[in-house]
PDB file of all heavy atoms in Angstrom:
ATOM      1  N   TYR A   1     104.307  80.427  70.308  1.00  0.00           N
ATOM      2  CA  TYR A   1     103.836  79.761  69.107  1.00  0.00           C
ATOM      3  C   TYR A   1     103.218  80.799  68.190  1.00  0.00           C
ATOM      4  O   TYR A   1     102.365  81.563  68.648  1.00  0.00           O
ATOM      5  CB  TYR A   1     102.798  78.681  69.425  1.00  0.00           C
ATOM      6  CG  TYR A   1     102.364  77.974  68.173  1.00  0.00           C
ATOM      7  CD1 TYR A   1     103.135  76.942  67.656  1.00  0.00           C
ATOM      8  CD2 TYR A   1     101.235  78.374  67.489  1.00  0.00           C
ATOM      9  CE1 TYR A   1     102.761  76.316  66.488  1.00  0.00           C
ATOM     10  CE2 TYR A   1     100.865  77.761  66.322  1.00  0.00           C
ATOM     11  CZ  TYR A   1     101.631  76.730  65.824  1.00  0.00           C
ATOM     12  OH  TYR A   1     101.279  76.119  64.652  1.00  0.00           O
ATOM     13  N   PRO A   2     103.616  80.860  66.962  1.00  0.00           N
ATOM     14  CA  PRO A   2     104.683  80.082  66.337  1.00  0.00           C
ATOM     15  C   PRO A   2     106.065  80.514  66.827  1.00  0.00           C
ATOM     16  O   PRO A   2     106.211  81.593  67.394  1.00  0.00           O
ATOM     17  CB  PRO A   2     104.510  80.367  64.850  1.00  0.00           C
ATOM     18  CG  PRO A   2     103.853  81.700  64.789  1.00  0.00           C
ATOM     19  CD  PRO A   2     102.994  81.808  66.029  1.00  0.00           C
ATOM     20  N   GLY A   3     107.046  79.677  66.590  1.00  0.00           N
ATOM     21  CA  GLY A   3     108.407  79.935  67.057  1.00  0.00           C
ATOM     22  C   GLY A   3     109.041  81.178  66.453  1.00  0.00           C
ATOM     23  O   GLY A   3     109.998  81.708  66.995  1.00  0.00           O
ATOM     24  N   THR A   4     108.502  81.651  65.368  1.00  0.00           N
ATOM     25  CA  THR A   4     109.050  82.836  64.701  1.00  0.00           C
ATOM     26  C   THR A   4     108.668  84.140  65.398  1.00  0.00           C
ATOM     27  O   THR A   4     109.154  85.205  65.013  1.00  0.00           O
ATOM     28  CB  THR A   4     108.573  82.896  63.242  1.00  0.00           C
ATOM     29  OG1 THR A   4     107.140  82.883  63.235  1.00  0.00           O
ATOM     30  CG2 THR A   4     109.114  81.723  62.435  1.00  0.00           C
ATOM     31  N   VAL A   5     107.819  84.066  66.416  1.00  0.00           N
ATOM     32  CA  VAL A   5     107.387  85.282  67.122  1.00  0.00           C
ATOM     33  C   VAL A   5     108.591  86.026  67.700  1.00  0.00           C
ATOM     34  O   VAL A   5     108.681  87.252  67.600  1.00  0.00           O
ATOM     35  CB  VAL A   5     106.363  84.951  68.232  1.00  0.00           C
ATOM     36  CG1 VAL A   5     106.080  86.171  69.094  1.00  0.00           C
ATOM     37  CG2 VAL A   5     105.084  84.421  67.621  1.00  0.00           C
ATOM     38  N   ILE A   6     109.532  85.300  68.283  1.00  0.00           N
ATOM     39  CA  ILE A   6     110.705  85.949  68.880  1.00  0.00           C
ATOM     40  C   ILE A   6     111.532  86.641  67.803  1.00  0.00           C
ATOM     41  O   ILE A   6     111.984  87.769  67.994  1.00  0.00           O
ATOM     42  CB  ILE A   6     111.553  84.946  69.685  1.00  0.00           C
ATOM     43  CG1 ILE A   6     110.728  84.396  70.851  1.00  0.00           C
ATOM     44  CG2 ILE A   6     112.845  85.578  70.172  1.00  0.00           C
ATOM     45  CD1 ILE A   6     110.198  85.456  71.803  1.00  0.00           C
ATOM     46  N   ASP A   7     111.703  85.990  66.669  1.00  0.00           N
ATOM     47  CA  ASP A   7     112.435  86.625  65.555  1.00  0.00           C
ATOM     48  C   ASP A   7     111.738  87.908  65.120  1.00  0.00           C
ATOM     49  O   ASP A   7     112.395  88.932  64.867  1.00  0.00           O
ATOM     50  CB  ASP A   7     112.535  85.670  64.363  1.00  0.00           C
ATOM     51  CG  ASP A   7     113.396  84.464  64.646  1.00  0.00           C
ATOM     52  OD1 ASP A   7     114.299  84.561  65.501  1.00  0.00           O
ATOM     53  OD2 ASP A   7     113.159  83.413  64.018  1.00  0.00           O
ATOM     54  N   THR A   8     110.434  87.871  65.040  1.00  0.00           N
ATOM     55  CA  THR A   8     109.673  89.051  64.634  1.00  0.00           C
ATOM     56  C   THR A   8     109.803  90.157  65.674  1.00  0.00           C
ATOM     57  O   THR A   8     109.973  91.336  65.322  1.00  0.00           O
ATOM     58  CB  THR A   8     108.194  88.693  64.397  1.00  0.00           C
ATOM     59  OG1 THR A   8     108.127  87.620  63.449  1.00  0.00           O
ATOM     60  CG2 THR A   8     107.418  89.889  63.873  1.00  0.00           C
ATOM     61  N   LEU A   9     109.727  89.808  66.959  1.00  0.00           N
ATOM     62  CA  LEU A   9     109.910  90.803  68.016  1.00  0.00           C
ATOM     63  C   LEU A   9     111.295  91.439  67.945  1.00  0.00           C
ATOM     64  O   LEU A   9     111.443  92.654  68.084  1.00  0.00           O
ATOM     65  CB  LEU A   9     109.701  90.167  69.393  1.00  0.00           C
ATOM     66  CG  LEU A   9     108.270  89.818  69.767  1.00  0.00           C
ATOM     67  CD1 LEU A   9     108.239  88.971  71.038  1.00  0.00           C
ATOM     68  CD2 LEU A   9     107.436  91.078  69.936  1.00  0.00           C
ATOM     69  N   GLU A  10     112.316  90.616  67.717  1.00  0.00           N
ATOM     70  CA  GLU A  10     113.674  91.155  67.586  1.00  0.00           C
ATOM     71  C   GLU A  10     113.774  92.088  66.389  1.00  0.00           C
ATOM     72  O   GLU A  10     114.415  93.146  66.466  1.00  0.00           O
ATOM     73  CB  GLU A  10     114.685  90.013  67.468  1.00  0.00           C
ATOM     74  CG  GLU A  10     114.857  89.245  68.755  1.00  0.00           C
ATOM     75  CD  GLU A  10     115.733  88.019  68.618  1.00  0.00           C
ATOM     76  OE1 GLU A  10     115.970  87.534  67.487  1.00  0.00           O
ATOM     77  OE2 GLU A  10     116.182  87.529  69.660  1.00  0.00           O
ATOM     78  N   ASN A  11     113.121  91.720  65.277  1.00  0.00           N
ATOM     79  CA  ASN A  11     113.134  92.582  64.090  1.00  0.00           C
ATOM     80  C   ASN A  11     112.474  93.924  64.380  1.00  0.00           C
ATOM     81  O   ASN A  11     112.949  94.968  63.913  1.00  0.00           O
ATOM     82  CB  ASN A  11     112.441  91.893  62.916  1.00  0.00           C
ATOM     83  CG  ASN A  11     113.262  90.757  62.347  1.00  0.00           C
ATOM     84  OD1 ASN A  11     114.472  90.714  62.521  1.00  0.00           O
ATOM     85  ND2 ASN A  11     112.607  89.821  61.682  1.00  0.00           N
ATOM     86  N   ILE A  12     111.388  93.899  65.143  1.00  0.00           N
ATOM     87  CA  ILE A  12     110.718  95.156  65.507  1.00  0.00           C
ATOM     88  C   ILE A  12     111.652  96.012  66.352  1.00  0.00           C
ATOM     89  O   ILE A  12     111.808  97.216  66.108  1.00  0.00           O
ATOM     90  CB  ILE A  12     109.404  94.875  66.251  1.00  0.00           C
ATOM     91  CG1 ILE A  12     108.377  94.233  65.321  1.00  0.00           C
ATOM     92  CG2 ILE A  12     108.845  96.157  66.867  1.00  0.00           C
ATOM     93  CD1 ILE A  12     107.143  93.683  66.021  1.00  0.00           C
ATOM     94  N   LEU A  13     112.273  95.405  67.363  1.00  0.00           N
ATOM     95  CA  LEU A  13     113.176  96.163  68.230  1.00  0.00           C
ATOM     96  C   LEU A  13     114.372  96.719  67.461  1.00  0.00           C
ATOM     97  O   LEU A  13     114.883  97.784  67.784  1.00  0.00           O
ATOM     98  CB  LEU A  13     113.666  95.291  69.395  1.00  0.00           C
ATOM     99  CG  LEU A  13     112.620  94.898  70.425  1.00  0.00           C
ATOM    100  CD1 LEU A  13     113.228  93.950  71.455  1.00  0.00           C
ATOM    101  CD2 LEU A  13     112.018  96.113  71.101  1.00  0.00           C
ATOM    102  N   ASN A  14     114.820  96.003  66.449  1.00  0.00           N
ATOM    103  CA  ASN A  14     115.983  96.420  65.667  1.00  0.00           C
ATOM    104  C   ASN A  14     115.633  97.383  64.534  1.00  0.00           C
ATOM    105  O   ASN A  14     116.524  97.892  63.863  1.00  0.00           O
ATOM    106  CB  ASN A  14     116.706  95.191  65.104  1.00  0.00           C
ATOM    107  CG  ASN A  14     117.391  94.404  66.189  1.00  0.00           C
ATOM    108  OD1 ASN A  14     118.010  94.970  67.083  1.00  0.00           O
ATOM    109  ND2 ASN A  14     117.255  93.086  66.149  1.00  0.00           N
ATOM    110  N   SER A  15     114.365  97.643  64.333  1.00  0.00           N
ATOM    111  CA  SER A  15     113.943  98.523  63.239  1.00  0.00           C
ATOM    112  C   SER A  15     114.048  99.992  63.644  1.00  0.00           C
ATOM    113  O   SER A  15     114.260 100.318  64.806  1.00  0.00           O
ATOM    114  CB  SER A  15     112.494  98.206  62.847  1.00  0.00           C
ATOM    115  OG  SER A  15     111.606  98.711  63.830  1.00  0.00           O
ATOM    116  N   ASN A  16     113.876 100.847  62.669  1.00  0.00           N
ATOM    117  CA  ASN A  16     113.861 102.297  62.906  1.00  0.00           C
ATOM    118  C   ASN A  16     112.444 102.822  63.098  1.00  0.00           C
ATOM    119  O   ASN A  16     112.219 104.023  63.059  1.00  0.00           O
ATOM    120  CB  ASN A  16     114.531 103.030  61.737  1.00  0.00           C
ATOM    121  CG  ASN A  16     116.017 102.759  61.699  1.00  0.00           C
ATOM    122  OD1 ASN A  16     116.644 102.600  62.736  1.00  0.00           O
ATOM    123  ND2 ASN A  16     116.572 102.693  60.506  1.00  0.00           N
ATOM    124  N   SER A  17     111.509 101.925  63.288  1.00  0.00           N
ATOM    125  CA  SER A  17     110.103 102.297  63.411  1.00  0.00           C
ATOM    126  C   SER A  17     109.855 103.176  64.637  1.00  0.00           C
ATOM    127  O   SER A  17     110.445 102.973  65.695  1.00  0.00           O
ATOM    128  CB  SER A  17     109.251 101.032  63.515  1.00  0.00           C
ATOM    129  OG  SER A  17     107.916 101.364  63.796  1.00  0.00           O
ATOM    130  N   SER A  18     108.961 104.122  64.482  1.00  0.00           N
ATOM    131  CA  SER A  18     108.582 104.972  65.614  1.00  0.00           C
ATOM    132  C   SER A  18     107.371 104.402  66.354  1.00  0.00           C
ATOM    133  O   SER A  18     106.916 104.981  67.335  1.00  0.00           O
ATOM    134  CB  SER A  18     108.275 106.387  65.123  1.00  0.00           C
ATOM    135  OG  SER A  18     107.180 106.353  64.233  1.00  0.00           O
ATOM    136  N   THR A  19     106.866 103.266  65.879  1.00  0.00           N
ATOM    137  CA  THR A  19     105.685 102.646  66.489  1.00  0.00           C
ATOM    138  C   THR A  19     106.005 101.267  67.058  1.00  0.00           C
ATOM    139  O   THR A  19     105.169 100.364  67.022  1.00  0.00           O
ATOM    140  CB  THR A  19     104.544 102.543  65.466  1.00  0.00           C
ATOM    141  OG1 THR A  19     104.991 101.746  64.358  1.00  0.00           O
ATOM    142  CG2 THR A  19     104.109 103.903  64.963  1.00  0.00           C
ATOM    143  N   LYS A  20     107.193 101.089  67.584  1.00  0.00           N
ATOM    144  CA  LYS A  20     107.623  99.780  68.083  1.00  0.00           C
ATOM    145  C   LYS A  20     106.673  99.209  69.129  1.00  0.00           C
ATOM    146  O   LYS A  20     106.312  98.039  69.068  1.00  0.00           O
ATOM    147  CB  LYS A  20     109.029  99.871  68.672  1.00  0.00           C
ATOM    148  CG  LYS A  20     110.100 100.090  67.645  1.00  0.00           C
ATOM    149  CD  LYS A  20     111.461 100.198  68.289  1.00  0.00           C
ATOM    150  CE  LYS A  20     112.489 100.566  67.231  1.00  0.00           C
ATOM    151  NZ  LYS A  20     113.821 100.683  67.765  1.00  0.00           N
ATOM    152  N   LEU A  21     106.278 100.032  70.094  1.00  0.00           N
ATOM    153  CA  LEU A  21     105.405  99.535  71.160  1.00  0.00           C
ATOM    154  C   LEU A  21     104.082  99.038  70.601  1.00  0.00           C
ATOM    155  O   LEU A  21     103.613  97.956  70.968  1.00  0.00           O
ATOM    156  CB  LEU A  21     105.167 100.615  72.219  1.00  0.00           C
ATOM    157  CG  LEU A  21     104.254 100.231  73.378  1.00  0.00           C
ATOM    158  CD1 LEU A  21     104.768  99.001  74.116  1.00  0.00           C
ATOM    159  CD2 LEU A  21     104.097 101.397  74.343  1.00  0.00           C
ATOM    160  N   THR A  22     103.489  99.777  69.694  1.00  0.00           N
ATOM    161  CA  THR A  22     102.229  99.373  69.066  1.00  0.00           C
ATOM    162  C   THR A  22     102.399  98.084  68.287  1.00  0.00           C
ATOM    163  O   THR A  22     101.546  97.183  68.353  1.00  0.00           O
ATOM    164  CB  THR A  22     101.707 100.493  68.140  1.00  0.00           C
ATOM    165  OG1 THR A  22     101.549 101.678  68.908  1.00  0.00           O
ATOM    166  CG2 THR A  22     100.397 100.109  67.485  1.00  0.00           C
ATOM    167  N   GLU A  23     103.497  97.950  67.560  1.00  0.00           N
ATOM    168  CA  GLU A  23     103.759  96.741  66.779  1.00  0.00           C
ATOM    169  C   GLU A  23     103.944  95.534  67.690  1.00  0.00           C
ATOM    170  O   GLU A  23     103.434  94.443  67.401  1.00  0.00           O
ATOM    171  CB  GLU A  23     104.994  96.936  65.905  1.00  0.00           C
ATOM    172  CG  GLU A  23     104.799  97.955  64.797  1.00  0.00           C
ATOM    173  CD  GLU A  23     106.070  98.192  64.008  1.00  0.00           C
ATOM    174  OE1 GLU A  23     106.704  97.207  63.585  1.00  0.00           O
ATOM    175  OE2 GLU A  23     106.440  99.364  63.823  1.00  0.00           O
ATOM    176  N   ILE A  24     104.669  95.703  68.782  1.00  0.00           N
ATOM    177  CA  ILE A  24     104.894  94.606  69.738  1.00  0.00           C
ATOM    178  C   ILE A  24     103.571  94.186  70.358  1.00  0.00           C
ATOM    179  O   ILE A  24     103.254  92.995  70.442  1.00  0.00           O
ATOM    180  CB  ILE A  24     105.913  95.025  70.817  1.00  0.00           C
ATOM    181  CG1 ILE A  24     107.296  95.172  70.203  1.00  0.00           C
ATOM    182  CG2 ILE A  24     105.927  94.028  71.968  1.00  0.00           C
ATOM    183  CD1 ILE A  24     108.313  95.846  71.114  1.00  0.00           C
ATOM    184  N   ARG A  25     102.789  95.167  70.795  1.00  0.00           N
ATOM    185  CA  ARG A  25     101.491  94.877  71.419  1.00  0.00           C
ATOM    186  C   ARG A  25     100.583  94.124  70.449  1.00  0.00           C
ATOM    187  O   ARG A  25      99.945  93.135  70.813  1.00  0.00           O
ATOM    188  CB  ARG A  25     100.838  96.172  71.865  1.00  0.00           C
ATOM    189  CG  ARG A  25      99.575  95.948  72.663  1.00  0.00           C
ATOM    190  CD  ARG A  25      98.892  97.238  73.065  1.00  0.00           C
ATOM    191  NE  ARG A  25      99.817  98.170  73.683  1.00  0.00           N
ATOM    192  CZ  ARG A  25      99.625  99.477  73.751  1.00  0.00           C
ATOM    193  NH1 ARG A  25      98.547 100.025  73.235  1.00  0.00           N
ATOM    194  NH2 ARG A  25     100.499 100.258  74.342  1.00  0.00           N
ATOM    195  N   SER A  26     100.527  94.565  69.204  1.00  0.00           N
ATOM    196  CA  SER A  26      99.684  93.921  68.190  1.00  0.00           C
ATOM    197  C   SER A  26     100.137  92.491  67.916  1.00  0.00           C
ATOM    198  O   SER A  26      99.313  91.584  67.802  1.00  0.00           O
ATOM    199  CB  SER A  26      99.708  94.722  66.890  1.00  0.00           C
ATOM    200  OG  SER A  26      99.162  95.990  67.087  1.00  0.00           O
ATOM    201  N   LEU A  27     101.431  92.298  67.811  1.00  0.00           N
ATOM    202  CA  LEU A  27     101.966  90.964  67.540  1.00  0.00           C
ATOM    203  C   LEU A  27     101.640  89.996  68.678  1.00  0.00           C
ATOM    204  O   LEU A  27     101.214  88.863  68.448  1.00  0.00           O
ATOM    205  CB  LEU A  27     103.486  91.034  67.327  1.00  0.00           C
ATOM    206  CG  LEU A  27     104.173  89.707  67.027  1.00  0.00           C
ATOM    207  CD1 LEU A  27     103.748  89.165  65.664  1.00  0.00           C
ATOM    208  CD2 LEU A  27     105.681  89.855  67.098  1.00  0.00           C
ATOM    209  N   LEU A  28     101.829  90.449  69.911  1.00  0.00           N
ATOM    210  CA  LEU A  28     101.586  89.564  71.050  1.00  0.00           C
ATOM    211  C   LEU A  28     100.094  89.340  71.294  1.00  0.00           C
ATOM    212  O   LEU A  28      99.716  88.372  71.943  1.00  0.00           O
ATOM    213  CB  LEU A  28     102.263  90.105  72.305  1.00  0.00           C
ATOM    214  CG  LEU A  28     103.791  90.080  72.264  1.00  0.00           C
ATOM    215  CD1 LEU A  28     104.379  90.640  73.556  1.00  0.00           C
ATOM    216  CD2 LEU A  28     104.325  88.681  72.008  1.00  0.00           C
ATOM    217  N   LYS A  29      99.258  90.202  70.746  1.00  0.00           N
ATOM    218  CA  LYS A  29      97.809  90.036  70.897  1.00  0.00           C
ATOM    219  C   LYS A  29      97.294  88.870  70.054  1.00  0.00           C
ATOM    220  O   LYS A  29      96.341  88.205  70.430  1.00  0.00           O
ATOM    221  CB  LYS A  29      97.103  91.323  70.498  1.00  0.00           C
ATOM    222  CG  LYS A  29      95.629  91.356  70.844  1.00  0.00           C
ATOM    223  CD  LYS A  29      94.991  92.666  70.419  1.00  0.00           C
ATOM    224  CE  LYS A  29      95.244  93.717  71.473  1.00  0.00           C
ATOM    225  NZ  LYS A  29      94.489  94.961  71.241  1.00  0.00           N
ATOM    226  N   VAL A  30      97.942  88.614  68.917  1.00  0.00           N
ATOM    227  CA  VAL A  30      97.457  87.588  67.991  1.00  0.00           C
ATOM    228  C   VAL A  30      98.293  86.311  68.004  1.00  0.00           C
ATOM    229  O   VAL A  30      97.958  85.352  67.320  1.00  0.00           O
ATOM    230  CB  VAL A  30      97.357  88.128  66.545  1.00  0.00           C
ATOM    231  CG1 VAL A  30      96.342  89.252  66.461  1.00  0.00           C
ATOM    232  CG2 VAL A  30      98.705  88.575  66.027  1.00  0.00           C
ATOM    233  N   ASN A  31      99.381  86.285  68.767  1.00  0.00           N
ATOM    234  CA  ASN A  31     100.233  85.098  68.852  1.00  0.00           C
ATOM    235  C   ASN A  31     100.342  84.651  70.302  1.00  0.00           C
ATOM    236  O   ASN A  31     100.178  85.447  71.220  1.00  0.00           O
ATOM    237  CB  ASN A  31     101.637  85.386  68.306  1.00  0.00           C
ATOM    238  CG  ASN A  31     101.613  85.612  66.813  1.00  0.00           C
ATOM    239  OD1 ASN A  31     101.542  84.692  66.041  1.00  0.00           O
ATOM    240  ND2 ASN A  31     101.636  86.874  66.411  1.00  0.00           N
ATOM    241  N   SER A  32     100.633  83.383  70.495  1.00  0.00           N
ATOM    242  CA  SER A  32     100.727  82.832  71.840  1.00  0.00           C
ATOM    243  C   SER A  32     102.141  82.939  72.385  1.00  0.00           C
ATOM    244  O   SER A  32     103.064  82.353  71.837  1.00  0.00           O
ATOM    245  CB  SER A  32     100.311  81.357  71.839  1.00  0.00           C
ATOM    246  OG  SER A  32      98.969  81.230  71.484  1.00  0.00           O
ATOM    247  N   VAL A  33     102.283  83.715  73.450  1.00  0.00           N
ATOM    248  CA  VAL A  33     103.542  83.780  74.182  1.00  0.00           C
ATOM    249  C   VAL A  33     103.194  83.577  75.650  1.00  0.00           C
ATOM    250  O   VAL A  33     102.415  84.334  76.219  1.00  0.00           O
ATOM    251  CB  VAL A  33     104.276  85.120  73.989  1.00  0.00           C
ATOM    252  CG1 VAL A  33     105.533  85.166  74.850  1.00  0.00           C
ATOM    253  CG2 VAL A  33     104.644  85.326  72.528  1.00  0.00           C
TER     254      VAL A  33
END
């Protein structure tokens, strides 16, 4: 919750970002999975 969390996680994994792990950790810290 919200349901868009998975879409956001997929977008992070599909990005060219060099901070993917940090972004994933931050997202899951503030959203319910």
